[in-house]
C-alpha cells in the first residue's frame, strides 16, 4: 500500500488522468499484474527457505524462455527461430555459470520456485501489454499496489501478524526505518523496471537481467580479492555462451527494428509519389499537347504552384518545381 499512498496526491492532482475510464478499460490486466506480482515475490521468498540459493538461481535463470512462452499467449508475440536459439544459448550459459554443482532442497521448495517463475513471467507479460495501451509507469504502480496488498494481507494476518507485532514492539524504530526504506526502494525499482518494460519488451527486460548476472560474476572475479580463484572453467564457458546468446538476440532485434523502420518509410514515399502524380495529372489536363497554348497553360499553372514538364513513357507529366525553367519558357516563346 506504500506506493498507493505515496502516489495518491500526484494522481488526484493530475486532472488529465481519467481514472474511471482507465480502470474500466484495463481492470482485467491490472488485477492480473497485481496478483502475479504478489505471488512472484512471496513464492520466491518461501522457496529460499526450502532450497539452496544456487538451485533457486538456476530455476530463475530460465526466466527469458518462460516469458517468451507466456508472451505468445498473452501478448500474441511469437519469437523467431533465431530469437529462440539466442534465448536458449543465453539461459544455458547463465545456468552453467551460477550452478555450484550441488542442488540441495525439497521438491516442495522447487515447486514453489518454479511457480514463482511462472507468476513472474505472467506478470511481466501482462504489464508489457497494459503499458503499450496508454498508461504510464506511475499509474501502473498506483493501480496494482492495492491488488497486491489484498492478496498478501490474509497470509500476513494468519501466518506473520503475531510474530511481527512482538518484534515491532521490541524494535519499533528499526522496523519503521526498514519498512520505509524498503518500500521506497521497491517503488523506485518497480518504476524503473516498468519504464524499461514500456520502452522495450517483457522478453528484453529478462534478457538484460540475465546479462546483469553474468556481468556481476565477471566483475566480482576482477575486482573482489580472492574471487578470481573461484572463477572456474565451467563459469567461463557459461559466461561465453550467455554473451553469445545476448549478442545474437540483440543483433536479431536490431535487424528487425531496421526492417520495420524501412517498411514504415516506404508507404510514406509511395504516398508522396502518388500525390505528386495526381497533382501532375490534374495540371496536365489544362495543358494542350502542342502549340503556343501549352506555354500559356504552364504559365497559368505556375500561379497555383510551380511545375515542371518531364517526358515519361512518351507523355508529358506535370510535377512540382518549375520555377527553374520559367525563364526559359518566357525567353523563348514559340512563333505564333
Protein backbone atom coordinates (compact mmCIF):
# COMPACT_ATOMS: atom_id res chain seq x y z
CA UNK A 1 0.00 0.00 0.00
CA UNK A 2 3.03 2.29 0.26
CA UNK A 3 3.03 3.05 -3.48
CA UNK A 4 -0.72 3.71 -3.43
CA UNK A 5 -0.50 6.16 -0.52
CA UNK A 6 2.60 7.98 -1.81
CA UNK A 7 1.29 8.34 -5.36
CA UNK A 8 -2.27 9.28 -4.40
CA UNK A 9 -1.62 13.08 -4.17
CA UNK A 10 0.02 13.01 -7.60
CA UNK A 11 -2.79 11.01 -9.16
CA UNK A 12 -5.52 13.16 -7.60
CA UNK A 13 -3.79 16.44 -8.54
CA UNK A 14 -3.36 15.41 -12.18
CA UNK A 15 -6.78 16.25 -13.60
CA UNK A 16 -5.81 14.99 -17.06
CA UNK A 17 -5.87 11.40 -15.86
CA UNK A 18 -9.25 9.75 -16.37
CA UNK A 19 -9.06 7.06 -13.69
CA UNK A 20 -12.57 5.72 -14.20
CA UNK A 21 -12.12 5.25 -17.94
CA UNK A 22 -8.65 3.72 -17.49
CA UNK A 23 -9.82 1.25 -14.86
CA UNK A 24 -12.86 0.31 -16.92
CA UNK A 25 -10.65 -0.39 -19.92
CA UNK A 26 -7.68 -2.06 -18.18
CA UNK A 27 -9.04 -3.56 -14.94
CA UNK A 28 -8.51 -7.18 -16.01
CA UNK A 29 -4.86 -6.67 -16.86
CA UNK A 30 -4.23 -4.58 -13.72
CA UNK A 31 -5.74 -7.26 -11.48
CA UNK A 32 -3.59 -9.94 -13.13
CA UNK A 33 -0.46 -7.84 -12.69
CA UNK A 34 -1.15 -7.18 -9.01
CA UNK A 35 -1.95 -10.81 -8.24
CA UNK A 36 1.02 -12.27 -10.12
CA UNK A 37 3.40 -9.69 -8.64
CA UNK A 38 2.40 -10.63 -5.11
CA UNK A 39 2.63 -14.36 -5.83
CA UNK A 40 6.03 -13.98 -7.50
CA UNK A 41 7.63 -12.23 -4.54
CA UNK A 42 6.01 -14.37 -1.84
CA UNK A 43 6.59 -17.74 -3.54
CA UNK A 44 10.20 -16.92 -4.36
CA UNK A 45 10.90 -15.89 -0.75
CA UNK A 46 9.21 -19.04 0.56
CA UNK A 47 11.27 -21.23 -1.78
CA UNK A 48 14.52 -19.85 -0.36
CA UNK A 49 13.63 -21.44 2.98
CA UNK A 50 13.25 -24.85 1.31
CA UNK A 51 16.03 -24.92 -1.31
CA UNK A 52 19.56 -23.54 -1.70
CA UNK A 53 20.20 -20.14 -3.29
CA UNK A 54 22.18 -21.82 -6.08
CA UNK A 55 19.24 -24.01 -7.08
CA UNK A 56 16.89 -21.05 -6.84
CA UNK A 57 19.12 -19.05 -9.22
CA UNK A 58 19.29 -21.97 -11.65
CA UNK A 59 15.50 -22.17 -11.79
CA UNK A 60 15.04 -18.42 -12.17
CA UNK A 61 17.72 -18.30 -14.88
CA UNK A 62 15.15 -19.84 -17.22
CA UNK A 63 13.03 -16.66 -16.97
CA UNK A 64 13.60 -15.36 -20.55
CA UNK A 65 12.42 -18.62 -22.11
CA UNK A 66 9.38 -18.77 -19.82
CA UNK A 67 8.48 -15.12 -20.51
CA UNK A 68 8.79 -15.68 -24.27
CA UNK A 69 6.46 -18.70 -23.99
CA UNK A 70 3.89 -16.78 -21.92
CA UNK A 71 4.08 -13.77 -24.28
CA UNK A 72 2.87 -15.99 -27.12
CA UNK A 73 -0.49 -16.36 -25.36
CA UNK A 74 -0.78 -13.00 -23.56
CA UNK A 75 0.82 -10.52 -25.98
CA UNK A 76 0.48 -12.59 -29.18
CA UNK A 77 4.23 -12.21 -29.81
CA UNK A 78 5.81 -15.29 -31.36
CA UNK A 79 9.63 -15.34 -31.28
CA UNK A 80 11.51 -16.17 -34.45
CA UNK A 81 13.77 -19.22 -34.68
CA UNK A 82 16.84 -17.01 -34.27
CA UNK A 83 15.39 -15.33 -31.18
CA UNK A 84 14.50 -18.69 -29.65
CA UNK A 85 18.02 -20.01 -30.33
CA UNK A 86 19.55 -16.89 -28.77
CA UNK A 87 17.38 -17.22 -25.66
CA UNK A 88 18.29 -20.88 -25.22
CA UNK A 89 22.00 -20.05 -25.53
CA UNK A 90 21.67 -17.23 -23.01
CA UNK A 91 19.72 -19.29 -20.48
CA UNK A 92 22.06 -22.28 -20.83
CA UNK A 93 25.08 -20.07 -20.27
CA UNK A 94 23.64 -18.44 -17.15
CA UNK A 95 22.61 -21.81 -15.69
CA UNK A 96 26.12 -23.18 -16.23
CA UNK A 97 27.61 -20.06 -14.65
CA UNK A 98 25.51 -19.92 -11.48
CA UNK A 99 25.21 -23.64 -10.75
CA UNK A 100 27.65 -24.57 -7.99
CA UNK A 101 27.50 -28.33 -8.52
CA UNK A 102 25.15 -29.12 -5.62
CA UNK A 103 21.37 -28.84 -5.77
CA UNK A 104 20.01 -29.24 -2.26
CA UNK A 105 16.37 -28.71 -1.42
CA UNK A 106 12.97 -30.31 -1.17
CA UNK A 107 10.57 -30.92 -4.02
CA UNK A 108 8.15 -28.56 -2.27
CA UNK A 109 10.69 -25.74 -2.46
CA UNK A 110 11.43 -26.50 -6.12
CA UNK A 111 7.71 -26.37 -6.88
CA UNK A 112 7.41 -23.02 -5.12
CA UNK A 113 10.34 -21.60 -7.09
CA UNK A 114 9.02 -22.84 -10.45
CA UNK A 115 5.56 -21.47 -9.69
CA UNK A 116 7.13 -18.15 -8.75
CA UNK A 117 8.92 -18.04 -12.11
CA UNK A 118 5.64 -18.69 -13.94
CA UNK A 119 3.93 -15.92 -11.96
CA UNK A 120 6.80 -13.51 -12.70
CA UNK A 121 6.59 -14.31 -16.41
CA UNK A 122 2.82 -13.76 -16.45
CA UNK A 123 3.18 -10.50 -14.50
CA UNK A 124 5.77 -9.12 -16.93
CA UNK A 125 3.82 -10.16 -19.99
CA UNK A 126 0.58 -8.59 -18.74
CA UNK A 127 2.50 -5.45 -17.71
CA UNK A 128 4.02 -5.19 -21.17
CA UNK A 129 0.59 -5.45 -22.74
CA UNK A 130 -1.02 -2.88 -20.41
CA UNK A 131 1.86 -0.41 -20.71
CA UNK A 132 1.52 -0.46 -24.50
CA UNK A 133 -2.05 0.89 -24.21
CA UNK A 134 -1.80 4.50 -22.96
CA UNK A 135 -0.90 4.02 -19.30
CA UNK A 136 2.31 5.22 -17.64
CA UNK A 137 4.53 3.52 -15.07
CA UNK A 138 3.29 5.55 -12.08
CA UNK A 139 -0.32 4.77 -12.91
CA UNK A 140 0.59 1.09 -13.12
CA UNK A 141 2.21 1.16 -9.66
CA UNK A 142 -0.71 3.14 -8.23
CA UNK A 143 -3.40 0.81 -9.57
CA UNK A 144 -1.68 -2.51 -8.82
CA UNK A 145 -0.50 -1.76 -5.25
CA UNK A 146 -3.94 -2.28 -3.61
CA UNK A 147 -4.39 -5.55 -5.54
CA UNK A 148 -1.08 -6.96 -4.31
CA UNK A 149 -1.87 -5.84 -0.77
CA UNK A 150 -5.23 -7.61 -0.83
CA UNK A 151 -3.56 -10.82 -1.99
CA UNK A 152 -0.85 -10.76 0.70
CA UNK A 153 -2.86 -9.41 3.65
CA UNK A 154 -4.70 -12.67 4.52
CA UNK A 155 -1.40 -14.62 4.59
CA UNK A 156 0.23 -11.97 6.73
CA UNK A 157 -2.71 -11.91 9.13
CA UNK A 158 -2.74 -15.68 9.58
CA UNK A 159 0.96 -16.52 9.48
CA UNK A 160 3.02 -13.46 10.40
CA UNK A 161 0.92 -10.99 12.39
CA UNK A 162 1.69 -12.17 15.93
CA UNK A 163 5.43 -12.56 15.37
CA UNK A 164 5.59 -9.20 13.61
CA UNK A 165 3.81 -7.37 16.42
CA UNK A 166 6.16 -8.81 19.04
CA UNK A 167 9.22 -7.88 17.00
CA UNK A 168 7.84 -4.40 16.24
CA UNK A 169 7.28 -3.68 19.94
CA UNK A 170 10.91 -4.54 20.73
CA UNK A 171 12.42 -2.78 17.70
CA UNK A 172 9.95 -0.08 16.79
CA UNK A 173 12.33 2.47 15.24
CA UNK A 174 14.32 -0.12 13.32
CA UNK A 175 11.15 -1.75 11.94
CA UNK A 176 9.74 1.59 10.79
CA UNK A 177 13.04 2.53 9.15
CA UNK A 178 13.34 -0.82 7.37
CA UNK A 179 9.75 -0.70 6.11
CA UNK A 180 10.09 2.91 4.90
CA UNK A 181 13.43 2.36 3.19
CA UNK A 182 12.43 -0.99 1.70
CA UNK A 183 9.15 0.39 0.37
CA UNK A 184 10.88 3.41 -1.18
CA UNK A 185 13.47 1.25 -2.90
CA UNK A 186 10.75 -1.15 -4.11
CA UNK A 187 8.71 1.71 -5.58
CA UNK A 188 11.75 3.16 -7.35
CA UNK A 189 12.74 -0.28 -8.65
CA UNK A 190 9.24 -1.01 -9.96
CA UNK A 191 9.06 2.40 -11.67
CA UNK A 192 12.41 1.91 -13.44
CA UNK A 193 11.62 -1.71 -14.25
CA UNK A 194 8.25 -0.82 -15.77
CA UNK A 195 9.75 2.11 -17.68
CA UNK A 196 12.26 -0.24 -19.26
CA UNK A 197 9.43 -2.68 -19.94
CA UNK A 198 7.43 0.06 -21.66
CA UNK A 199 10.39 1.10 -23.85
CA UNK A 200 11.45 -2.44 -24.81
CA UNK A 201 9.52 -5.67 -24.16
CA UNK A 202 8.96 -8.26 -21.45
CA UNK A 203 11.49 -10.65 -23.01
CA UNK A 204 14.11 -7.93 -23.47
CA UNK A 205 13.90 -6.98 -19.79
CA UNK A 206 14.57 -10.56 -18.69
CA UNK A 207 17.45 -10.81 -21.17
CA UNK A 208 19.04 -7.74 -19.57
CA UNK A 209 18.51 -9.34 -16.18
CA UNK A 210 20.48 -12.38 -17.30
CA UNK A 211 23.29 -10.20 -18.63
CA UNK A 212 23.36 -8.42 -15.27
CA UNK A 213 24.04 -11.75 -13.53
CA UNK A 214 26.88 -12.57 -15.91
CA UNK A 215 28.29 -9.07 -15.51
CA UNK A 216 28.26 -9.36 -11.73
CA UNK A 217 30.10 -12.67 -11.89
CA UNK A 218 32.78 -11.24 -14.17
CA UNK A 219 33.19 -8.00 -12.21
CA UNK A 220 33.39 -9.82 -8.87
CA UNK A 221 36.16 -12.03 -10.26
CA UNK A 222 38.07 -8.96 -11.47
CA UNK A 223 37.53 -6.57 -8.57
CA UNK A 224 36.99 -8.57 -5.37
CA UNK A 225 40.09 -10.16 -3.83
CA UNK A 226 40.05 -13.96 -3.81
CA UNK A 227 37.07 -14.25 -6.20
CA UNK A 228 39.22 -14.81 -9.29
CA UNK A 229 40.41 -18.17 -7.92
CA UNK A 230 36.77 -19.31 -7.68
CA UNK A 231 36.01 -18.35 -11.29
CA UNK A 232 36.27 -21.84 -12.76
CA UNK A 233 36.50 -23.01 -16.37
CA UNK A 234 32.84 -24.03 -16.17
CA UNK A 235 31.85 -20.49 -15.26
CA UNK A 236 33.97 -19.15 -18.13
CA UNK A 237 32.20 -21.42 -20.62
CA UNK A 238 28.84 -20.38 -19.20
CA UNK A 239 29.62 -16.67 -19.44
CA UNK A 240 30.83 -17.06 -23.04
CA UNK A 241 27.64 -18.92 -24.03
CA UNK A 242 25.49 -16.32 -22.29
CA UNK A 243 27.20 -13.42 -24.05
CA UNK A 244 26.94 -15.19 -27.42
CA UNK A 245 23.21 -15.61 -26.83
CA UNK A 246 22.87 -11.96 -25.81
CA UNK A 247 24.76 -10.73 -28.90
CA UNK A 248 22.68 -12.93 -31.21
CA UNK A 249 19.43 -11.76 -29.61
CA UNK A 250 20.46 -8.08 -29.75
CA UNK A 251 21.53 -8.34 -33.39
CA UNK A 252 18.24 -10.03 -34.30
CA UNK A 253 16.18 -7.31 -32.61
CA UNK A 254 18.23 -4.55 -34.26
CA UNK A 255 17.75 -6.08 -37.70
CA UNK A 256 14.01 -6.40 -37.09
CA UNK A 257 13.84 -2.76 -35.97
CA UNK A 258 15.65 -1.60 -39.10
CA UNK A 259 13.35 -3.61 -41.35
CA UNK A 260 10.32 -2.21 -39.54
CA UNK A 261 11.62 1.36 -39.95
CA UNK A 262 12.26 0.76 -43.64
CA UNK A 263 8.78 -0.69 -44.02
CA UNK A 264 7.22 2.38 -42.41
CA UNK A 265 9.19 4.75 -44.63
CA UNK A 266 8.20 3.02 -47.88
CA UNK A 267 4.42 3.72 -47.65
CA UNK A 268 5.16 7.41 -46.95
CA UNK A 269 7.39 7.61 -50.03
CA UNK A 270 4.78 5.87 -52.17
CA UNK A 271 2.06 8.18 -50.87
CA UNK A 272 4.17 11.24 -51.74
CA UNK A 273 4.82 9.93 -55.25
CA UNK A 274 1.13 9.12 -55.70
CA UNK A 275 0.11 12.61 -54.55
CA UNK A 276 2.65 14.17 -56.91
CA UNK A 277 1.37 12.10 -59.82
CA UNK A 278 -2.26 13.02 -59.12
CA UNK A 279 -1.42 16.74 -58.96
CA UNK A 280 0.61 16.46 -62.13
CA UNK A 281 -2.19 14.70 -63.94
CA UNK A 282 -4.68 17.31 -62.77
CA UNK A 283 -2.47 20.11 -64.10
CA UNK A 284 -1.76 18.20 -67.28
CA UNK A 285 -5.42 18.25 -68.18
CA UNK A 286 -5.09 22.01 -68.61
CA UNK A 287 -2.00 21.72 -70.84
CA UNK A 288 -2.53 21.13 -74.60
CA UNK A 289 -0.10 18.70 -76.16
CA UNK A 290 1.30 21.14 -78.74
CA UNK A 291 1.48 24.76 -79.84
CA UNK A 292 1.76 28.05 -78.04
CA UNK A 293 -1.25 27.20 -75.83
CA UNK A 294 0.98 24.73 -73.92
CA UNK A 295 3.22 27.53 -72.66
CA UNK A 296 0.28 29.74 -71.75
CA UNK A 297 -1.23 26.89 -69.72
CA UNK A 298 2.06 26.25 -67.93
CA UNK A 299 2.31 29.93 -67.02
CA UNK A 300 -1.20 29.80 -65.56
CA UNK A 301 -0.43 26.63 -63.63
CA UNK A 302 2.58 28.29 -62.03
CA UNK A 303 0.23 30.70 -60.22
CA UNK A 304 -1.19 27.68 -58.36
CA UNK A 305 2.18 26.17 -57.53
CA UNK A 306 5.26 25.63 -59.64
CA UNK A 307 5.52 22.72 -62.06
CA UNK A 308 7.95 21.14 -64.47
CA UNK A 309 7.38 19.11 -67.62
CA UNK A 310 9.12 15.79 -67.88
CA UNK A 311 8.98 13.14 -70.56
CA UNK A 312 7.64 9.96 -69.01
CA UNK A 313 6.74 6.95 -71.15
CA UNK A 314 6.14 9.17 -74.15
CA UNK A 315 3.70 11.53 -72.41
CA UNK A 316 4.10 14.86 -70.61
CA UNK A 317 3.76 14.82 -66.78
CA UNK A 318 3.44 17.96 -64.68
CA UNK A 319 5.16 17.83 -61.28
CA UNK A 320 6.44 20.29 -58.68
CA UNK A 321 9.18 22.91 -59.04
CA UNK A 322 9.15 24.58 -62.46
CA UNK A 323 10.44 28.00 -61.46
CA UNK A 324 13.91 26.93 -62.57
CA UNK A 325 12.65 26.66 -66.15
CA UNK A 326 10.25 29.57 -66.09
CA UNK A 327 12.88 31.93 -67.55
CA UNK A 328 13.46 29.60 -70.46
CA UNK A 329 9.75 29.34 -71.20
CA UNK A 330 9.23 33.11 -71.30
CA UNK A 331 12.53 33.97 -73.01
CA UNK A 332 11.94 31.62 -75.93
CA UNK A 333 8.23 31.58 -76.78
CA UNK A 334 7.21 29.73 -79.91
CA UNK A 335 6.25 31.54 -83.08
CA UNK A 336 2.57 32.26 -83.27
